[in-house]
Amino acid sequence: MLARRVIPCLDVHGGHVTRGVQFGKAEAGELRNVGDPVELAVRYNEQGADEMVFFDITATAHGRATIVDVIERTADQCFMPLTVGGGIRTVDDMQTMLRAGADKVSINSSAIATPDLIRAGAEKFGSQCIVVSIDAKKAGPDKWEVFVAGGRKATGMDAIEWAKKAVALGAGEIVLNSIDADGTKAGFDLVVTRRISESVGVPVVASGGAGTLQHMADVLIDGKADAVLAASIFHFGEFTVGDVKRFLGERGIPVRL
């Protein structure tokens, strides 16, 4: 079994890391300032994070310059792979982020609006650089629907079928965000994570719901995820990356120590 990855996620708004209370709560009044993104990235690098995800929740022209600067400074000081998402709508946008020092780019709404963007990105940079992020909400028994616009807009698309299509087009990784679980700290949605993990031949990163160390072990074992992504539990000092890895290792889950 390959080593399972532990990935902190930084939501960057106006040059600062922020954290909303729950999924899609990106209005300025509902965001809590967590700190400087580069300082946090260096901290997680020192803790042994396998990767780092930056999500540009500003995603404007001004925000683009800010996130590029963040990626450049982080790549200069950290040696873990970096993924960046938010507002990436073209192959040129991908190139900008990869040139700044990102190893992967994550696309969500733009992949749904223009599925060919997945193929074009994979052809130019390689599938290993293209991550498709899926925001899924339970819509019925054994059915999960894809949402966009921060979880506010339904697409009518089935999350499992969309994951399979994204991989067929060239995505090298899927990040699965459970809208139902996000912000609850009540655990990941194990069922949809497992369904997608079993349906695609690429790594699946579980996101949304991490509240305890056991939640992370559960989604890696029962949810068959390849990696866990979390924000609040790291930012607010509840656990370190090392805490997570020690816990997983003690339970026989392979991690890079």
Protein backbone atom coordinates (compact mmCIF):
# COMPACT_ATOMS: atom_id res chain seq x y z
CA MET A 1 0.00 0.00 0.00
CA LEU A 2 1.29 3.44 -0.92
CA ALA A 3 1.89 5.96 1.85
CA ARG A 4 -1.22 7.98 2.62
CA ARG A 5 -0.82 11.76 2.45
CA VAL A 6 -1.73 14.41 5.00
CA ILE A 7 -2.47 17.76 3.34
CA PRO A 8 -3.18 21.08 5.07
CA CYS A 9 -5.33 23.50 3.05
CA LEU A 10 -4.94 27.29 3.12
CA ASP A 11 -7.81 29.50 1.94
CA VAL A 12 -6.15 32.75 0.84
CA HIS A 13 -8.19 35.96 0.77
CA GLY A 14 -6.43 39.24 0.09
CA GLY A 15 -3.04 37.82 1.03
CA HIS A 16 -4.18 36.29 4.34
CA VAL A 17 -5.28 32.80 5.28
CA THR A 18 -8.91 32.79 6.34
CA ARG A 19 -11.34 30.17 7.50
CA GLY A 20 -15.10 30.28 7.14
CA VAL A 21 -17.42 28.65 9.63
CA GLN A 22 -18.96 26.34 7.06
CA PHE A 23 -18.86 25.50 3.37
CA GLY A 24 -19.42 28.45 1.04
CA LYS A 25 -19.36 31.08 3.80
CA ALA A 26 -16.88 33.31 1.98
CA GLU A 27 -18.52 36.64 2.77
CA ALA A 28 -15.94 38.87 4.45
CA GLY A 29 -17.90 39.13 7.68
CA GLU A 30 -17.96 35.38 8.11
CA LEU A 31 -14.25 34.79 7.60
CA ARG A 32 -11.74 34.48 10.40
CA ASN A 33 -8.19 35.67 9.77
CA VAL A 34 -5.75 32.85 10.50
CA GLY A 35 -2.41 34.34 9.49
CA ASP A 36 0.22 34.74 6.81
CA PRO A 37 0.06 31.98 4.19
CA VAL A 38 3.80 31.64 3.74
CA GLU A 39 4.44 31.46 7.49
CA LEU A 40 1.76 28.80 7.85
CA ALA A 41 3.11 26.84 4.89
CA VAL A 42 6.60 26.87 6.41
CA ARG A 43 5.15 25.65 9.73
CA TYR A 44 3.36 22.76 8.03
CA ASN A 45 6.43 21.97 5.95
CA GLU A 46 8.41 21.65 9.20
CA GLN A 47 5.66 19.45 10.68
CA GLY A 48 6.07 17.02 7.78
CA ALA A 49 3.07 17.82 5.57
CA ASP A 50 3.13 15.75 2.40
CA GLU A 51 1.64 18.55 0.30
CA MET A 52 0.06 21.98 0.67
CA VAL A 53 -3.08 23.26 -1.03
CA PHE A 54 -3.64 26.98 -1.55
CA PHE A 55 -7.12 28.06 -2.53
CA ASP A 56 -7.52 31.61 -3.80
CA ILE A 57 -10.98 32.58 -2.60
CA THR A 58 -10.53 36.10 -3.98
CA ALA A 59 -9.93 34.85 -7.53
CA THR A 60 -9.92 38.36 -9.02
CA ALA A 61 -7.28 40.09 -11.14
CA HIS A 62 -5.83 41.66 -7.99
CA GLY A 63 -6.15 38.39 -6.13
CA ARG A 64 -4.28 36.60 -8.90
CA ALA A 65 -1.17 38.74 -8.38
CA THR A 66 -1.41 38.10 -4.63
CA ILE A 67 -1.67 34.31 -4.91
CA VAL A 68 1.19 34.18 -7.44
CA ASP A 69 3.36 36.05 -4.94
CA VAL A 70 2.32 33.63 -2.18
CA ILE A 71 3.18 30.60 -4.33
CA GLU A 72 6.55 32.05 -5.35
CA ARG A 73 7.55 32.82 -1.77
CA THR A 74 6.33 29.46 -0.48
CA ALA A 75 8.10 27.49 -3.22
CA ASP A 76 11.29 29.34 -2.29
CA GLN A 77 11.08 28.19 1.34
CA CYS A 78 9.31 24.81 1.27
CA PHE A 79 10.10 21.51 -0.37
CA MET A 80 6.70 19.82 -0.34
CA PRO A 81 4.54 19.79 -3.48
CA LEU A 82 2.16 22.75 -3.80
CA THR A 83 -1.32 22.73 -5.34
CA VAL A 84 -3.18 25.94 -6.13
CA GLY A 85 -6.85 26.40 -7.03
CA GLY A 86 -9.42 29.15 -7.36
CA GLY A 87 -10.20 31.18 -10.46
CA ILE A 88 -8.17 29.00 -12.84
CA ARG A 89 -10.14 29.17 -16.07
CA THR A 90 -7.62 28.72 -18.89
CA VAL A 91 -4.46 26.83 -19.79
CA ASP A 92 -2.62 30.15 -19.49
CA ASP A 93 -3.87 30.48 -15.90
CA MET A 94 -2.50 27.00 -15.21
CA GLN A 95 0.85 27.95 -16.72
CA THR A 96 1.03 31.09 -14.57
CA MET A 97 0.60 29.03 -11.39
CA LEU A 98 3.00 26.28 -12.43
CA ARG A 99 5.65 28.84 -13.37
CA ALA A 100 5.21 30.49 -9.97
CA GLY A 101 6.19 27.21 -8.32
CA ALA A 102 3.00 25.17 -8.01
CA ASP A 103 3.28 21.47 -8.80
CA LYS A 104 -0.43 21.00 -9.48
CA VAL A 105 -3.43 23.15 -10.34
CA SER A 106 -6.90 22.45 -9.05
CA ILE A 107 -9.99 23.27 -11.10
CA ASN A 108 -13.63 23.01 -10.11
CA SER A 109 -16.34 25.23 -11.65
CA SER A 110 -14.20 25.88 -14.73
CA ALA A 111 -13.86 22.14 -15.36
CA ILE A 112 -17.65 21.78 -15.29
CA ALA A 113 -18.18 24.82 -17.51
CA THR A 114 -15.46 23.71 -19.95
CA PRO A 115 -14.63 20.01 -19.53
CA ASP A 116 -12.12 20.26 -22.38
CA LEU A 117 -9.97 22.39 -20.05
CA ILE A 118 -9.08 19.15 -18.23
CA ARG A 119 -7.91 17.52 -21.45
CA ALA A 120 -6.04 20.61 -22.65
CA GLY A 121 -4.25 21.00 -19.32
CA ALA A 122 -3.33 17.32 -19.15
CA GLU A 123 -2.00 17.34 -22.69
CA LYS A 124 0.17 20.40 -22.08
CA PHE A 125 1.42 19.76 -18.53
CA GLY A 126 0.69 16.08 -17.85
CA SER A 127 -2.18 14.49 -15.93
CA GLN A 128 -0.14 14.57 -12.72
CA CYS A 129 -0.52 18.38 -12.70
CA ILE A 130 -4.30 18.45 -13.11
CA VAL A 131 -6.52 18.08 -10.07
CA VAL A 132 -10.30 18.23 -10.36
CA SER A 133 -12.07 19.31 -7.19
CA ILE A 134 -15.66 18.18 -6.75
CA ASP A 135 -18.12 19.71 -4.28
CA ALA A 136 -20.73 17.02 -3.61
CA LYS A 137 -23.96 17.06 -1.62
CA LYS A 138 -26.18 14.09 -0.84
CA ALA A 139 -29.27 14.23 -3.05
CA GLY A 140 -30.94 10.93 -2.22
CA PRO A 141 -30.21 7.29 -1.40
CA ASP A 142 -26.79 6.46 -2.88
CA LYS A 143 -26.81 9.69 -4.91
CA TRP A 144 -24.64 12.78 -4.59
CA GLU A 145 -25.02 15.90 -6.72
CA VAL A 146 -22.23 18.23 -7.87
CA PHE A 147 -22.55 21.85 -6.74
CA VAL A 148 -20.66 24.97 -7.80
CA ALA A 149 -20.46 28.59 -6.60
CA GLY A 150 -19.26 27.66 -3.14
CA GLY A 151 -21.90 25.00 -2.72
CA ARG A 152 -24.80 27.30 -3.55
CA LYS A 153 -25.64 26.24 -7.11
CA ALA A 154 -26.77 22.75 -8.09
CA THR A 155 -25.57 21.40 -11.44
CA GLY A 156 -27.81 18.34 -11.75
CA MET A 157 -24.65 16.26 -12.32
CA ASP A 158 -24.00 13.01 -10.48
CA ALA A 159 -20.76 13.28 -8.48
CA ILE A 160 -19.57 9.73 -9.19
CA GLU A 161 -20.23 10.00 -12.92
CA TRP A 162 -18.52 13.41 -13.06
CA ALA A 163 -15.46 12.02 -11.27
CA LYS A 164 -15.23 9.21 -13.83
CA LYS A 165 -15.59 11.65 -16.72
CA ALA A 166 -12.97 14.02 -15.28
CA VAL A 167 -10.46 11.18 -15.03
CA ALA A 168 -11.29 10.00 -18.55
CA LEU A 169 -10.52 13.52 -19.77
CA GLY A 170 -7.11 13.49 -18.07
CA ALA A 171 -7.44 14.49 -14.40
CA GLY A 172 -4.66 12.90 -12.37
CA GLU A 173 -6.32 13.37 -9.00
CA ILE A 174 -9.76 14.05 -7.51
CA VAL A 175 -10.37 16.17 -4.43
CA LEU A 176 -13.77 15.30 -3.01
CA ASN A 177 -15.34 17.98 -0.83
CA SER A 178 -18.42 16.89 1.09
CA ILE A 179 -20.71 19.92 1.44
CA ASP A 180 -22.76 18.07 4.06
CA ALA A 181 -19.74 17.30 6.24
CA ASP A 182 -17.70 20.48 5.75
CA GLY A 183 -17.39 22.59 8.87
CA THR A 184 -19.21 20.06 11.03
CA LYS A 185 -16.08 18.33 12.40
CA ALA A 186 -18.32 15.27 12.56
CA GLY A 187 -16.30 13.13 10.15
CA PHE A 188 -15.94 12.67 6.42
CA ASP A 189 -18.67 11.29 4.16
CA LEU A 190 -17.22 7.80 3.98
CA VAL A 191 -19.75 6.39 1.54
CA VAL A 192 -19.33 8.82 -1.35
CA THR A 193 -15.57 8.87 -0.79
CA ARG A 194 -15.44 5.10 -1.10
CA ARG A 195 -17.76 5.06 -4.10
CA ILE A 196 -15.59 7.53 -5.99
CA SER A 197 -12.32 5.91 -4.87
CA GLU A 198 -13.56 2.59 -6.22
CA SER A 199 -14.76 4.18 -9.48
CA VAL A 200 -11.63 6.00 -10.62
CA GLY A 201 -8.07 4.86 -11.17
CA VAL A 202 -6.41 7.96 -9.70
CA PRO A 203 -5.83 9.16 -6.14
CA VAL A 204 -8.81 10.61 -4.27
CA VAL A 205 -8.24 13.25 -1.59
CA ALA A 206 -10.97 13.43 1.08
CA SER A 207 -12.02 16.89 2.24
CA GLY A 208 -14.71 18.18 4.59
CA GLY A 209 -15.55 16.99 8.08
CA ALA A 210 -12.20 16.39 9.81
CA GLY A 211 -12.67 16.86 13.55
CA THR A 212 -10.67 14.07 15.16
CA LEU A 213 -7.68 11.88 14.37
CA GLN A 214 -10.03 8.90 14.12
CA HIS A 215 -11.99 10.65 11.38
CA MET A 216 -8.83 10.74 9.28
CA ALA A 217 -8.09 7.07 9.88
CA ASP A 218 -11.70 6.17 9.03
CA VAL A 219 -11.71 7.92 5.66
CA LEU A 220 -8.38 6.36 4.68
CA ILE A 221 -9.48 2.86 5.65
CA ASP A 222 -13.27 2.72 5.22
CA GLY A 223 -13.49 5.54 2.68
CA LYS A 224 -10.51 4.16 0.72
CA ALA A 225 -9.13 7.69 0.25
CA ASP A 226 -5.50 8.16 -0.73
CA ALA A 227 -5.06 11.38 1.24
CA VAL A 228 -6.79 13.58 3.81
CA LEU A 229 -7.12 17.34 3.50
CA ALA A 230 -7.94 19.57 6.46
CA ALA A 231 -7.80 23.21 7.48
CA SER A 232 -9.27 24.28 10.82
CA ILE A 233 -7.87 21.49 12.96
CA PHE A 234 -4.36 22.48 11.85
CA HIS A 235 -4.77 26.26 11.76
CA PHE A 236 -6.21 26.54 15.24
CA GLY A 237 -3.66 24.21 16.81
CA GLU A 238 -5.93 21.29 17.63
CA PHE A 239 -3.53 18.86 15.98
CA THR A 240 -0.22 19.03 14.13
CA VAL A 241 0.53 17.13 10.95
CA GLY A 242 2.87 15.01 13.10
CA ASP A 243 0.01 14.13 15.46
CA VAL A 244 -2.02 12.86 12.51
CA LYS A 245 0.84 10.82 11.08
CA ARG A 246 1.73 9.23 14.40
CA PHE A 247 -1.91 8.27 14.98
CA LEU A 248 -2.24 6.78 11.49
CA GLY A 249 1.07 4.95 11.74
CA GLU A 250 0.08 3.37 15.06
CA ARG A 251 -2.99 1.97 13.29
CA GLY A 252 -1.00 0.39 10.51
CA ILE A 253 -1.77 3.04 7.91
CA PRO A 254 1.42 3.75 5.93
CA VAL A 255 2.58 7.38 6.13
CA ARG A 256 5.82 9.21 5.41
CA LEU A 257 7.26 10.06 8.82
